[in-house]
Amino acid sequence: MILIVDDSDIGREVIKKSLMMNGYTNLEEAENGAVGLEKAKAHQGKIKLYLLDINMPVMNGLELLEAIRAFDTSTPVVMLTTETDKAKMAKAKEMGATGWIIKPFDGEKLTNVIKIVMKE
């Protein structure tokens, strides 16, 4: 299962379509970090990859990353963002993020990064 957490309905839809076109069908989604955390806990042990937006209301992606790493230290986490701030990238990596993709991105780039972090 891949958990997609992004406050943009369109963003989640684009990600889901890209993933489904490349054979990833076991997808779960959440519209903010708080809902994402609930789903991460509910599906603990089943999630193979987290895709987290950075800028979201309620709980942002870095806060969610920190909360996830408190109970799941090994599942890959790829941060999705419009941010190019090197300090945020370094902080996310320090907190346990596996990768980083700058929006907008194409489906091929997304699936290539997923294959790398999931070691496929």
N, C-alpha and C. Protein backbone atom coordinates (compact mmCIF):
# COMPACT_ATOMS: atom_id res chain seq x y z
N MET A 1 0.83 -1.18 0.00
CA MET A 1 0.00 0.00 0.00
C MET A 1 0.88 1.25 0.00
N ILE A 2 0.46 2.24 -0.78
CA ILE A 2 1.12 3.54 -0.79
C ILE A 2 0.13 4.54 -0.20
N LEU A 3 0.60 5.30 0.79
CA LEU A 3 -0.24 6.33 1.41
C LEU A 3 0.16 7.69 0.84
N ILE A 4 -0.80 8.35 0.19
CA ILE A 4 -0.61 9.66 -0.42
C ILE A 4 -1.27 10.69 0.48
N VAL A 5 -0.49 11.64 0.98
CA VAL A 5 -1.05 12.68 1.85
C VAL A 5 -0.76 14.04 1.21
N ASP A 6 -1.83 14.68 0.74
CA ASP A 6 -1.71 15.97 0.06
C ASP A 6 -3.03 16.70 0.22
N ASP A 7 -2.98 17.98 0.54
CA ASP A 7 -4.23 18.73 0.73
C ASP A 7 -4.90 19.11 -0.59
N SER A 8 -4.23 18.94 -1.70
CA SER A 8 -4.80 19.26 -3.01
C SER A 8 -5.51 18.04 -3.60
N ASP A 9 -6.82 18.17 -3.82
CA ASP A 9 -7.58 17.09 -4.46
C ASP A 9 -6.99 16.76 -5.82
N ILE A 10 -6.67 17.80 -6.57
CA ILE A 10 -6.10 17.60 -7.91
C ILE A 10 -4.73 16.93 -7.81
N GLY A 11 -3.93 17.37 -6.86
CA GLY A 11 -2.62 16.78 -6.66
C GLY A 11 -2.70 15.29 -6.36
N ARG A 12 -3.60 14.93 -5.44
CA ARG A 12 -3.77 13.50 -5.12
C ARG A 12 -4.25 12.72 -6.34
N GLU A 13 -5.15 13.31 -7.11
CA GLU A 13 -5.68 12.62 -8.29
C GLU A 13 -4.58 12.39 -9.33
N VAL A 14 -3.74 13.39 -9.55
CA VAL A 14 -2.63 13.26 -10.52
C VAL A 14 -1.67 12.16 -10.06
N ILE A 15 -1.35 12.17 -8.77
CA ILE A 15 -0.44 11.15 -8.23
C ILE A 15 -1.05 9.76 -8.39
N LYS A 16 -2.32 9.62 -8.01
CA LYS A 16 -2.99 8.31 -8.12
C LYS A 16 -3.01 7.82 -9.56
N LYS A 17 -3.35 8.69 -10.50
CA LYS A 17 -3.40 8.27 -11.91
C LYS A 17 -2.03 7.84 -12.40
N SER A 18 -1.00 8.60 -12.03
CA SER A 18 0.37 8.24 -12.43
C SER A 18 0.76 6.88 -11.87
N LEU A 19 0.45 6.66 -10.60
CA LEU A 19 0.80 5.39 -9.97
C LEU A 19 0.02 4.23 -10.59
N MET A 20 -1.28 4.43 -10.80
CA MET A 20 -2.10 3.35 -11.36
C MET A 20 -1.67 3.00 -12.78
N MET A 21 -1.25 4.00 -13.55
CA MET A 21 -0.76 3.74 -14.92
C MET A 21 0.52 2.91 -14.90
N ASN A 22 1.21 2.92 -13.77
CA ASN A 22 2.47 2.17 -13.65
C ASN A 22 2.34 0.94 -12.76
N GLY A 23 1.10 0.49 -12.57
CA GLY A 23 0.89 -0.79 -11.89
C GLY A 23 0.70 -0.74 -10.39
N TYR A 24 0.72 0.45 -9.81
CA TYR A 24 0.51 0.56 -8.36
C TYR A 24 -0.99 0.79 -8.12
N THR A 25 -1.63 -0.19 -7.53
CA THR A 25 -3.08 -0.09 -7.37
C THR A 25 -3.54 -0.05 -5.91
N ASN A 26 -2.70 -0.46 -5.00
CA ASN A 26 -3.08 -0.47 -3.59
C ASN A 26 -2.72 0.89 -2.99
N LEU A 27 -3.64 1.85 -3.14
CA LEU A 27 -3.39 3.23 -2.76
C LEU A 27 -4.39 3.70 -1.72
N GLU A 28 -3.90 4.48 -0.78
CA GLU A 28 -4.74 5.10 0.25
C GLU A 28 -4.39 6.58 0.22
N GLU A 29 -5.36 7.44 0.52
CA GLU A 29 -5.07 8.86 0.49
C GLU A 29 -5.66 9.59 1.68
N ALA A 30 -5.06 10.75 1.97
CA ALA A 30 -5.51 11.61 3.06
C ALA A 30 -5.33 13.06 2.63
N GLU A 31 -6.24 13.92 3.11
CA GLU A 31 -6.25 15.32 2.68
C GLU A 31 -5.46 16.26 3.58
N ASN A 32 -4.92 15.75 4.67
CA ASN A 32 -4.02 16.57 5.51
C ASN A 32 -3.22 15.64 6.40
N GLY A 33 -2.26 16.21 7.11
CA GLY A 33 -1.36 15.40 7.92
C GLY A 33 -2.04 14.66 9.05
N ALA A 34 -3.05 15.29 9.67
CA ALA A 34 -3.74 14.63 10.79
C ALA A 34 -4.47 13.38 10.32
N VAL A 35 -5.17 13.49 9.21
CA VAL A 35 -5.87 12.33 8.64
C VAL A 35 -4.84 11.31 8.17
N GLY A 36 -3.74 11.79 7.59
CA GLY A 36 -2.67 10.90 7.15
C GLY A 36 -2.09 10.11 8.31
N LEU A 37 -1.91 10.75 9.46
CA LEU A 37 -1.38 10.05 10.63
C LEU A 37 -2.35 8.98 11.10
N GLU A 38 -3.64 9.30 11.12
CA GLU A 38 -4.65 8.29 11.50
C GLU A 38 -4.57 7.08 10.58
N LYS A 39 -4.47 7.34 9.29
CA LYS A 39 -4.42 6.23 8.32
C LYS A 39 -3.09 5.47 8.43
N ALA A 40 -2.01 6.19 8.68
CA ALA A 40 -0.70 5.52 8.84
C ALA A 40 -0.75 4.56 10.02
N LYS A 41 -1.36 4.99 11.11
CA LYS A 41 -1.47 4.12 12.29
C LYS A 41 -2.44 2.96 12.03
N ALA A 42 -3.54 3.24 11.36
CA ALA A 42 -4.55 2.20 11.08
C ALA A 42 -4.00 1.12 10.15
N HIS A 43 -3.11 1.50 9.24
CA HIS A 43 -2.56 0.55 8.26
C HIS A 43 -1.11 0.19 8.56
N GLN A 44 -0.70 0.39 9.79
CA GLN A 44 0.69 0.13 10.18
C GLN A 44 1.09 -1.29 9.79
N GLY A 45 2.27 -1.42 9.19
CA GLY A 45 2.76 -2.72 8.74
C GLY A 45 2.35 -3.07 7.32
N LYS A 46 1.35 -2.37 6.78
CA LYS A 46 0.88 -2.64 5.41
C LYS A 46 1.39 -1.60 4.42
N ILE A 47 1.80 -0.45 4.93
CA ILE A 47 2.24 0.64 4.05
C ILE A 47 3.69 0.38 3.62
N LYS A 48 3.89 0.44 2.30
CA LYS A 48 5.21 0.20 1.72
C LYS A 48 5.91 1.51 1.34
N LEU A 49 5.13 2.62 1.28
CA LEU A 49 5.69 3.92 0.90
C LEU A 49 4.72 5.01 1.33
N TYR A 50 5.30 6.10 1.86
CA TYR A 50 4.53 7.30 2.17
C TYR A 50 4.92 8.38 1.18
N LEU A 51 3.93 9.06 0.59
CA LEU A 51 4.16 10.24 -0.25
C LEU A 51 3.51 11.41 0.47
N LEU A 52 4.32 12.34 0.98
CA LEU A 52 3.81 13.41 1.83
C LEU A 52 4.07 14.78 1.23
N ASP A 53 3.01 15.57 1.11
CA ASP A 53 3.16 16.97 0.75
C ASP A 53 3.73 17.70 1.97
N ILE A 54 4.49 18.75 1.75
CA ILE A 54 5.06 19.51 2.87
C ILE A 54 4.05 20.51 3.42
N ASN A 55 3.51 21.35 2.54
CA ASN A 55 2.64 22.44 2.97
C ASN A 55 1.17 22.02 2.97
N MET A 56 0.66 21.74 4.17
CA MET A 56 -0.74 21.33 4.33
C MET A 56 -1.29 21.98 5.60
N PRO A 57 -2.61 22.17 5.63
CA PRO A 57 -3.23 22.67 6.86
C PRO A 57 -3.34 21.56 7.90
N VAL A 58 -3.66 21.91 9.10
CA VAL A 58 -3.87 21.01 10.24
C VAL A 58 -2.56 20.44 10.75
N MET A 59 -1.85 19.68 9.93
CA MET A 59 -0.54 19.13 10.27
C MET A 59 0.27 19.09 8.98
N ASN A 60 1.42 19.78 8.96
CA ASN A 60 2.19 19.80 7.72
C ASN A 60 2.99 18.52 7.54
N GLY A 61 3.62 18.40 6.39
CA GLY A 61 4.34 17.17 6.05
C GLY A 61 5.52 16.86 6.95
N LEU A 62 6.22 17.89 7.41
CA LEU A 62 7.35 17.65 8.31
C LEU A 62 6.86 17.16 9.68
N GLU A 63 5.77 17.72 10.15
CA GLU A 63 5.19 17.25 11.42
C GLU A 63 4.71 15.81 11.28
N LEU A 64 4.09 15.52 10.13
CA LEU A 64 3.62 14.16 9.88
C LEU A 64 4.79 13.19 9.79
N LEU A 65 5.84 13.59 9.09
CA LEU A 65 7.04 12.75 8.98
C LEU A 65 7.58 12.41 10.37
N GLU A 66 7.67 13.41 11.22
CA GLU A 66 8.17 13.20 12.58
C GLU A 66 7.27 12.22 13.35
N ALA A 67 5.95 12.38 13.21
CA ALA A 67 5.00 11.50 13.90
C ALA A 67 5.09 10.07 13.37
N ILE A 68 5.23 9.91 12.06
CA ILE A 68 5.35 8.57 11.47
C ILE A 68 6.64 7.90 11.93
N ARG A 69 7.74 8.64 11.92
CA ARG A 69 9.03 8.06 12.31
C ARG A 69 9.05 7.63 13.78
N ALA A 70 8.11 8.12 14.58
CA ALA A 70 8.03 7.70 15.99
C ALA A 70 7.62 6.23 16.10
N PHE A 71 6.89 5.70 15.08
CA PHE A 71 6.46 4.29 15.15
C PHE A 71 6.86 3.48 13.92
N ASP A 72 7.37 4.12 12.89
CA ASP A 72 7.78 3.42 11.67
C ASP A 72 9.08 4.05 11.17
N THR A 73 10.18 3.40 11.46
CA THR A 73 11.48 3.97 11.12
C THR A 73 12.06 3.45 9.80
N SER A 74 11.40 2.48 9.18
CA SER A 74 12.02 1.87 8.01
C SER A 74 11.28 2.08 6.68
N THR A 75 10.00 2.36 6.69
CA THR A 75 9.26 2.52 5.44
C THR A 75 9.71 3.80 4.73
N PRO A 76 9.99 3.73 3.42
CA PRO A 76 10.42 4.93 2.70
C PRO A 76 9.37 6.05 2.74
N VAL A 77 9.87 7.28 2.85
CA VAL A 77 9.01 8.47 2.83
C VAL A 77 9.57 9.43 1.78
N VAL A 78 8.73 9.77 0.79
CA VAL A 78 9.11 10.74 -0.23
C VAL A 78 8.29 12.00 -0.01
N MET A 79 8.98 13.11 0.12
CA MET A 79 8.33 14.40 0.33
C MET A 79 8.02 15.01 -1.04
N LEU A 80 6.80 15.54 -1.18
CA LEU A 80 6.36 16.19 -2.42
C LEU A 80 6.11 17.65 -2.11
N THR A 81 6.71 18.56 -2.87
CA THR A 81 6.54 19.96 -2.52
C THR A 81 6.91 20.89 -3.66
N THR A 82 6.43 22.11 -3.56
CA THR A 82 6.85 23.17 -4.47
C THR A 82 8.08 23.87 -3.90
N GLU A 83 8.44 23.53 -2.67
CA GLU A 83 9.59 24.14 -1.98
C GLU A 83 10.91 23.73 -2.63
N THR A 84 11.79 24.69 -2.78
CA THR A 84 13.14 24.37 -3.22
C THR A 84 14.14 24.77 -2.13
N ASP A 85 13.62 25.07 -0.96
CA ASP A 85 14.42 25.50 0.19
C ASP A 85 15.34 24.37 0.65
N LYS A 86 16.64 24.56 0.47
CA LYS A 86 17.63 23.53 0.82
C LYS A 86 17.59 23.21 2.32
N ALA A 87 17.30 24.20 3.16
CA ALA A 87 17.24 23.96 4.61
C ALA A 87 16.09 23.01 4.95
N LYS A 88 14.93 23.19 4.28
CA LYS A 88 13.81 22.28 4.53
C LYS A 88 14.13 20.88 4.04
N MET A 89 14.80 20.81 2.90
CA MET A 89 15.19 19.49 2.37
C MET A 89 16.12 18.79 3.36
N ALA A 90 17.10 19.52 3.87
CA ALA A 90 18.05 18.95 4.83
C ALA A 90 17.34 18.52 6.10
N LYS A 91 16.40 19.33 6.57
CA LYS A 91 15.65 19.00 7.79
C LYS A 91 14.83 17.73 7.57
N ALA A 92 14.16 17.63 6.41
CA ALA A 92 13.35 16.44 6.11
C ALA A 92 14.25 15.20 6.07
N LYS A 93 15.40 15.31 5.45
CA LYS A 93 16.32 14.16 5.39
C LYS A 93 16.79 13.77 6.79
N GLU A 94 17.12 14.78 7.59
CA GLU A 94 17.55 14.55 8.97
C GLU A 94 16.44 13.86 9.79
N MET A 95 15.19 14.20 9.47
CA MET A 95 14.05 13.63 10.19
C MET A 95 13.68 12.23 9.69
N GLY A 96 14.31 11.79 8.60
CA GLY A 96 14.06 10.44 8.12
C GLY A 96 13.43 10.32 6.75
N ALA A 97 13.30 11.43 6.02
CA ALA A 97 12.76 11.34 4.66
C ALA A 97 13.75 10.60 3.77
N THR A 98 13.23 9.78 2.88
CA THR A 98 14.05 8.99 1.99
C THR A 98 14.36 9.74 0.70
N GLY A 99 13.40 10.56 0.25
CA GLY A 99 13.56 11.28 -1.00
C GLY A 99 12.71 12.53 -1.04
N TRP A 100 12.85 13.29 -2.13
CA TRP A 100 12.22 14.60 -2.26
C TRP A 100 11.90 14.80 -3.73
N ILE A 101 10.68 15.17 -4.07
CA ILE A 101 10.31 15.48 -5.45
C ILE A 101 9.70 16.88 -5.48
N ILE A 102 10.22 17.72 -6.37
CA ILE A 102 9.71 19.08 -6.52
C ILE A 102 8.53 19.07 -7.50
N LYS A 103 7.42 19.69 -7.07
CA LYS A 103 6.25 19.84 -7.93
C LYS A 103 6.46 21.04 -8.84
N PRO A 104 5.93 21.05 -10.03
CA PRO A 104 5.23 19.93 -10.65
C PRO A 104 6.23 18.89 -11.17
N PHE A 105 5.79 17.66 -11.23
CA PHE A 105 6.62 16.57 -11.72
C PHE A 105 5.78 15.73 -12.66
N ASP A 106 6.45 14.94 -13.49
CA ASP A 106 5.68 14.06 -14.38
C ASP A 106 5.62 12.66 -13.78
N GLY A 107 4.70 11.88 -14.29
CA GLY A 107 4.48 10.53 -13.77
C GLY A 107 5.70 9.65 -13.86
N GLU A 108 6.49 9.84 -14.92
CA GLU A 108 7.69 9.01 -15.09
C GLU A 108 8.71 9.29 -13.99
N LYS A 109 8.90 10.57 -13.68
CA LYS A 109 9.85 10.92 -12.62
C LYS A 109 9.37 10.35 -11.28
N LEU A 110 8.07 10.47 -11.01
CA LEU A 110 7.51 9.95 -9.77
C LEU A 110 7.73 8.44 -9.66
N THR A 111 7.40 7.70 -10.69
CA THR A 111 7.55 6.25 -10.62
C THR A 111 9.02 5.84 -10.56
N ASN A 112 9.90 6.58 -11.22
CA ASN A 112 11.34 6.27 -11.13
C ASN A 112 11.83 6.43 -9.70
N VAL A 113 11.43 7.51 -9.03
CA VAL A 113 11.84 7.73 -7.64
C VAL A 113 11.26 6.63 -6.75
N ILE A 114 10.01 6.27 -6.99
CA ILE A 114 9.37 5.21 -6.19
C ILE A 114 10.11 3.90 -6.35
N LYS A 115 10.46 3.56 -7.56
CA LYS A 115 11.20 2.31 -7.79
C LYS A 115 12.53 2.31 -7.07
N ILE A 116 13.19 3.46 -7.04
CA ILE A 116 14.49 3.56 -6.36
C ILE A 116 14.31 3.39 -4.86
N VAL A 117 13.39 4.15 -4.26
CA VAL A 117 13.26 4.10 -2.80
C VAL A 117 12.65 2.79 -2.30
N MET A 118 11.84 2.15 -3.15
CA MET A 118 11.25 0.87 -2.77
C MET A 118 12.15 -0.30 -3.20
N LYS A 119 13.27 0.04 -3.82
CA LYS A 119 14.26 -0.95 -4.27
C LYS A 119 13.64 -2.01 -5.19
N GLU A 120 12.88 -1.53 -6.17
CA GLU A 120 12.23 -2.45 -7.13
C GLU A 120 13.10 -2.63 -8.35
